[in-house]
């Protein structure tokens, strides 16, 4: 199964609130992620705001497209956008930098 890694940058002055929001992700958002093929999804945050996301999915483009069709995702992305740097008008799910996997230990 493909593994996906991506980066975003959370504003340092919003780190505590960002973490708090993720302790209470909306149940309908969690359901939408599962229904569109997001598995083993984790977010990791450094003290300077660097955010690393990891997930497994059969088809990342299809998973993104599935979420793009969900009203709950549009609401979540709009709610989360002010937390991030360098989006240049894009939603967080559109502004992340996808990383190339260069090693995996099975």
N, C-alpha and C. Protein backbone atom coordinates (compact mmCIF):
# COMPACT_ATOMS: atom_id res chain seq x y z
N UNK A 1 0.84 -1.18 0.00
CA UNK A 1 0.00 0.00 0.00
C UNK A 1 0.89 1.24 0.00
N UNK A 2 0.59 2.19 -0.86
CA UNK A 2 1.39 3.42 -0.89
C UNK A 2 1.34 4.18 0.44
N UNK A 3 2.50 4.73 0.81
CA UNK A 3 2.62 5.57 2.00
C UNK A 3 2.86 6.99 1.53
N UNK A 4 2.17 7.94 2.12
CA UNK A 4 2.24 9.33 1.71
C UNK A 4 2.76 10.17 2.87
N UNK A 5 3.73 11.02 2.60
CA UNK A 5 4.21 11.99 3.58
C UNK A 5 4.07 13.39 3.00
N UNK A 6 3.71 14.34 3.85
CA UNK A 6 3.57 15.72 3.38
C UNK A 6 3.94 16.70 4.50
N UNK A 7 4.24 17.93 4.10
CA UNK A 7 4.63 18.98 5.02
C UNK A 7 3.72 20.20 4.88
N UNK A 8 3.50 20.84 6.00
CA UNK A 8 2.86 22.16 6.08
C UNK A 8 3.56 22.92 7.20
N UNK A 9 3.29 24.20 7.32
CA UNK A 9 3.88 25.00 8.40
C UNK A 9 2.78 25.70 9.17
N UNK A 10 2.65 25.36 10.45
CA UNK A 10 1.67 25.98 11.35
C UNK A 10 2.30 27.24 11.94
N UNK A 11 1.52 28.29 12.04
CA UNK A 11 1.99 29.54 12.64
C UNK A 11 2.36 29.28 14.11
N UNK A 12 3.53 29.75 14.51
CA UNK A 12 4.01 29.50 15.88
C UNK A 12 3.05 30.04 16.93
N UNK A 13 2.39 31.15 16.65
CA UNK A 13 1.48 31.72 17.64
C UNK A 13 0.14 30.97 17.72
N UNK A 14 -0.04 29.95 16.87
CA UNK A 14 -1.30 29.19 16.86
C UNK A 14 -1.09 27.71 17.20
N UNK A 15 0.12 27.33 17.62
CA UNK A 15 0.42 25.92 17.86
C UNK A 15 -0.49 25.28 18.90
N UNK A 16 -0.66 25.93 20.03
CA UNK A 16 -1.48 25.34 21.10
C UNK A 16 -2.92 25.14 20.63
N UNK A 17 -3.48 26.12 19.97
CA UNK A 17 -4.85 26.00 19.49
C UNK A 17 -4.96 24.94 18.40
N UNK A 18 -3.95 24.85 17.53
CA UNK A 18 -3.96 23.82 16.49
C UNK A 18 -4.00 22.42 17.12
N UNK A 19 -3.17 22.21 18.13
CA UNK A 19 -3.16 20.91 18.80
C UNK A 19 -4.50 20.65 19.49
N UNK A 20 -5.07 21.66 20.11
CA UNK A 20 -6.37 21.50 20.77
C UNK A 20 -7.45 21.12 19.77
N UNK A 21 -7.47 21.76 18.61
CA UNK A 21 -8.47 21.44 17.58
C UNK A 21 -8.36 19.98 17.14
N UNK A 22 -7.15 19.45 17.12
CA UNK A 22 -6.96 18.06 16.68
C UNK A 22 -7.23 17.04 17.77
N UNK A 23 -7.43 17.50 18.99
CA UNK A 23 -7.89 16.60 20.04
C UNK A 23 -9.40 16.38 19.95
N UNK A 24 -10.05 17.20 19.12
CA UNK A 24 -11.51 17.12 18.99
C UNK A 24 -11.93 17.26 17.53
N UNK A 25 -11.32 16.47 16.65
CA UNK A 25 -11.70 16.51 15.24
C UNK A 25 -13.17 16.10 15.13
N UNK A 26 -13.91 16.81 14.30
CA UNK A 26 -15.34 16.55 14.13
C UNK A 26 -15.57 15.09 13.71
N UNK A 27 -16.51 14.41 14.34
CA UNK A 27 -16.78 13.02 13.97
C UNK A 27 -17.10 12.83 12.49
N UNK A 28 -17.81 13.78 11.89
CA UNK A 28 -18.14 13.64 10.47
C UNK A 28 -16.90 13.80 9.59
N UNK A 29 -15.90 14.56 10.06
CA UNK A 29 -14.64 14.68 9.33
C UNK A 29 -13.88 13.36 9.41
N UNK A 30 -13.83 12.76 10.58
CA UNK A 30 -13.17 11.46 10.75
C UNK A 30 -13.82 10.41 9.85
N UNK A 31 -15.15 10.41 9.81
CA UNK A 31 -15.87 9.45 8.98
C UNK A 31 -15.55 9.68 7.50
N UNK A 32 -15.51 10.94 7.07
CA UNK A 32 -15.22 11.24 5.66
C UNK A 32 -13.81 10.77 5.28
N UNK A 33 -12.84 10.97 6.15
CA UNK A 33 -11.49 10.50 5.87
C UNK A 33 -11.47 8.99 5.68
N UNK A 34 -12.11 8.28 6.58
CA UNK A 34 -12.15 6.81 6.47
C UNK A 34 -12.87 6.37 5.20
N UNK A 35 -13.99 7.01 4.90
CA UNK A 35 -14.80 6.62 3.74
C UNK A 35 -14.09 6.89 2.41
N UNK A 36 -13.15 7.82 2.40
CA UNK A 36 -12.45 8.15 1.16
C UNK A 36 -11.07 7.50 1.07
N UNK A 37 -10.78 6.58 1.98
CA UNK A 37 -9.58 5.77 1.85
C UNK A 37 -8.35 6.21 2.60
N UNK A 38 -8.48 7.14 3.54
CA UNK A 38 -7.35 7.57 4.37
C UNK A 38 -7.19 6.57 5.51
N UNK A 39 -6.03 5.93 5.58
CA UNK A 39 -5.78 4.96 6.65
C UNK A 39 -4.45 5.27 7.33
N UNK A 40 -4.39 4.88 8.59
CA UNK A 40 -3.15 5.06 9.37
C UNK A 40 -2.65 6.50 9.24
N UNK A 41 -3.56 7.45 9.35
CA UNK A 41 -3.26 8.87 9.16
C UNK A 41 -2.77 9.47 10.47
N UNK A 42 -1.62 10.11 10.42
CA UNK A 42 -1.03 10.75 11.60
C UNK A 42 -0.48 12.11 11.23
N UNK A 43 -0.48 13.02 12.20
CA UNK A 43 0.15 14.32 12.07
C UNK A 43 1.18 14.46 13.17
N UNK A 44 2.35 15.00 12.83
CA UNK A 44 3.43 15.22 13.78
C UNK A 44 3.83 16.69 13.70
N UNK A 45 3.98 17.35 14.86
CA UNK A 45 4.23 18.78 14.90
C UNK A 45 5.50 19.09 15.68
N UNK A 46 6.39 19.86 15.09
CA UNK A 46 7.61 20.28 15.79
C UNK A 46 7.36 21.61 16.50
N UNK A 47 8.20 21.94 17.48
CA UNK A 47 8.01 23.20 18.22
C UNK A 47 8.06 24.46 17.36
N UNK A 48 8.70 24.40 16.20
CA UNK A 48 8.76 25.57 15.33
C UNK A 48 7.58 25.65 14.36
N UNK A 49 6.65 24.68 14.44
CA UNK A 49 5.46 24.70 13.60
C UNK A 49 5.52 23.82 12.37
N UNK A 50 6.65 23.17 12.13
CA UNK A 50 6.72 22.25 10.99
C UNK A 50 5.79 21.07 11.26
N UNK A 51 4.89 20.82 10.33
CA UNK A 51 3.91 19.74 10.46
C UNK A 51 4.19 18.68 9.41
N UNK A 52 4.37 17.46 9.86
CA UNK A 52 4.57 16.32 8.98
C UNK A 52 3.33 15.45 9.06
N UNK A 53 2.74 15.15 7.91
CA UNK A 53 1.59 14.26 7.85
C UNK A 53 1.97 12.96 7.19
N UNK A 54 1.37 11.88 7.65
CA UNK A 54 1.62 10.55 7.10
C UNK A 54 0.28 9.84 6.97
N UNK A 55 0.09 9.16 5.85
CA UNK A 55 -1.08 8.32 5.68
C UNK A 55 -0.79 7.21 4.70
N UNK A 56 -1.64 6.22 4.73
CA UNK A 56 -1.59 5.13 3.77
C UNK A 56 -2.92 5.11 3.04
N UNK A 57 -2.85 4.91 1.73
CA UNK A 57 -4.06 4.87 0.92
C UNK A 57 -3.75 4.15 -0.38
N UNK A 58 -4.74 3.53 -0.95
CA UNK A 58 -4.55 2.82 -2.22
C UNK A 58 -4.27 3.78 -3.37
N UNK A 59 -4.89 4.97 -3.34
CA UNK A 59 -4.76 5.93 -4.43
C UNK A 59 -4.90 7.33 -3.83
N UNK A 60 -3.78 8.03 -3.65
CA UNK A 60 -3.81 9.33 -2.98
C UNK A 60 -4.63 10.35 -3.75
N UNK A 61 -4.49 10.39 -5.05
CA UNK A 61 -5.27 11.35 -5.85
C UNK A 61 -6.77 11.09 -5.69
N UNK A 62 -7.16 9.84 -5.68
CA UNK A 62 -8.57 9.49 -5.49
C UNK A 62 -9.03 9.87 -4.08
N UNK A 63 -8.18 9.65 -3.08
CA UNK A 63 -8.52 10.01 -1.71
C UNK A 63 -8.70 11.53 -1.58
N UNK A 64 -7.80 12.30 -2.20
CA UNK A 64 -7.94 13.76 -2.19
C UNK A 64 -9.21 14.20 -2.91
N UNK A 65 -9.46 13.61 -4.06
CA UNK A 65 -10.66 13.96 -4.83
C UNK A 65 -11.93 13.63 -4.05
N UNK A 66 -11.92 12.51 -3.37
CA UNK A 66 -13.08 12.12 -2.56
C UNK A 66 -13.34 13.13 -1.46
N UNK A 67 -12.28 13.58 -0.81
CA UNK A 67 -12.46 14.58 0.25
C UNK A 67 -12.88 15.92 -0.33
N UNK A 68 -12.40 16.26 -1.51
CA UNK A 68 -12.77 17.54 -2.13
C UNK A 68 -14.26 17.63 -2.40
N UNK A 69 -14.92 16.49 -2.51
CA UNK A 69 -16.37 16.47 -2.77
C UNK A 69 -17.20 16.53 -1.49
N UNK A 70 -16.57 16.49 -0.34
CA UNK A 70 -17.28 16.47 0.93
C UNK A 70 -17.44 17.87 1.51
N UNK A 71 -18.66 18.22 1.85
CA UNK A 71 -18.94 19.51 2.46
C UNK A 71 -18.18 19.67 3.78
N UNK A 72 -18.10 18.61 4.55
CA UNK A 72 -17.39 18.70 5.83
C UNK A 72 -15.93 19.05 5.62
N UNK A 73 -15.32 18.57 4.56
CA UNK A 73 -13.92 18.89 4.27
C UNK A 73 -13.78 20.37 3.92
N UNK A 74 -14.68 20.90 3.13
CA UNK A 74 -14.62 22.32 2.79
C UNK A 74 -14.71 23.18 4.06
N UNK A 75 -15.60 22.80 4.97
CA UNK A 75 -15.73 23.53 6.22
C UNK A 75 -14.48 23.40 7.09
N UNK A 76 -13.93 22.18 7.17
CA UNK A 76 -12.73 21.94 7.98
C UNK A 76 -11.54 22.72 7.41
N UNK A 77 -11.35 22.66 6.10
CA UNK A 77 -10.22 23.36 5.47
C UNK A 77 -10.33 24.87 5.69
N UNK A 78 -11.53 25.42 5.57
CA UNK A 78 -11.73 26.85 5.81
C UNK A 78 -11.44 27.20 7.27
N UNK A 79 -11.82 26.33 8.18
CA UNK A 79 -11.59 26.55 9.61
C UNK A 79 -10.11 26.46 9.96
N UNK A 80 -9.38 25.59 9.28
CA UNK A 80 -7.96 25.36 9.58
C UNK A 80 -7.01 26.30 8.84
N UNK A 81 -7.43 26.86 7.73
CA UNK A 81 -6.53 27.68 6.90
C UNK A 81 -5.80 28.79 7.68
N UNK A 82 -6.45 29.49 8.60
CA UNK A 82 -5.73 30.56 9.31
C UNK A 82 -4.57 30.07 10.18
N UNK A 83 -4.48 28.80 10.43
CA UNK A 83 -3.39 28.25 11.25
C UNK A 83 -2.08 28.12 10.48
N UNK A 84 -2.12 28.18 9.15
CA UNK A 84 -0.96 27.83 8.34
C UNK A 84 -0.28 29.03 7.68
N UNK A 85 1.03 28.87 7.48
CA UNK A 85 1.83 29.84 6.73
C UNK A 85 1.94 29.37 5.28
N UNK A 86 2.19 30.29 4.39
CA UNK A 86 2.58 30.01 3.00
C UNK A 86 1.54 29.25 2.17
N UNK A 87 0.27 29.53 2.36
CA UNK A 87 -0.75 28.86 1.55
C UNK A 87 -1.08 29.64 0.28
N UNK A 88 -0.77 30.93 0.25
CA UNK A 88 -1.02 31.76 -0.93
C UNK A 88 -2.43 31.57 -1.48
N UNK A 89 -3.42 31.61 -0.61
CA UNK A 89 -4.80 31.52 -1.03
C UNK A 89 -5.34 30.12 -1.24
N UNK A 90 -4.48 29.11 -1.08
CA UNK A 90 -4.94 27.72 -1.23
C UNK A 90 -5.43 27.18 0.10
N UNK A 91 -6.24 26.15 0.04
CA UNK A 91 -6.67 25.45 1.24
C UNK A 91 -5.49 24.61 1.74
N UNK A 92 -5.47 24.28 3.04
CA UNK A 92 -4.37 23.45 3.55
C UNK A 92 -4.19 22.13 2.79
N UNK A 93 -5.28 21.49 2.41
CA UNK A 93 -5.15 20.21 1.70
C UNK A 93 -4.63 20.39 0.27
N UNK A 94 -4.63 21.63 -0.22
CA UNK A 94 -4.09 21.92 -1.54
C UNK A 94 -2.67 22.50 -1.46
N UNK A 95 -2.29 23.00 -0.28
CA UNK A 95 -1.03 23.70 -0.13
C UNK A 95 0.09 22.90 0.51
N UNK A 96 -0.17 21.64 0.80
CA UNK A 96 0.88 20.84 1.42
C UNK A 96 1.93 20.43 0.38
N UNK A 97 3.12 20.17 0.86
CA UNK A 97 4.21 19.72 0.00
C UNK A 97 4.34 18.21 0.18
N UNK A 98 4.08 17.48 -0.89
CA UNK A 98 4.20 16.03 -0.82
C UNK A 98 5.67 15.64 -0.88
N UNK A 99 6.04 14.67 -0.07
CA UNK A 99 7.43 14.23 0.02
C UNK A 99 7.63 12.92 -0.73
N UNK A 100 8.82 12.77 -1.27
CA UNK A 100 9.18 11.53 -1.94
C UNK A 100 9.69 10.53 -0.90
N UNK A 101 9.16 9.33 -0.91
CA UNK A 101 9.67 8.29 -0.02
C UNK A 101 10.99 7.77 -0.59
N UNK A 102 12.05 7.82 0.22
CA UNK A 102 13.34 7.38 -0.25
C UNK A 102 13.85 6.13 0.49
N UNK A 103 13.16 5.74 1.58
CA UNK A 103 13.54 4.54 2.31
C UNK A 103 12.37 4.05 3.13
N UNK A 104 12.24 2.75 3.22
CA UNK A 104 11.23 2.13 4.07
C UNK A 104 11.78 0.80 4.57
N UNK A 105 11.77 0.60 5.88
CA UNK A 105 12.21 -0.66 6.49
C UNK A 105 10.97 -1.50 6.73
N UNK A 106 10.92 -2.66 6.07
CA UNK A 106 9.78 -3.56 6.28
C UNK A 106 10.07 -4.49 7.41
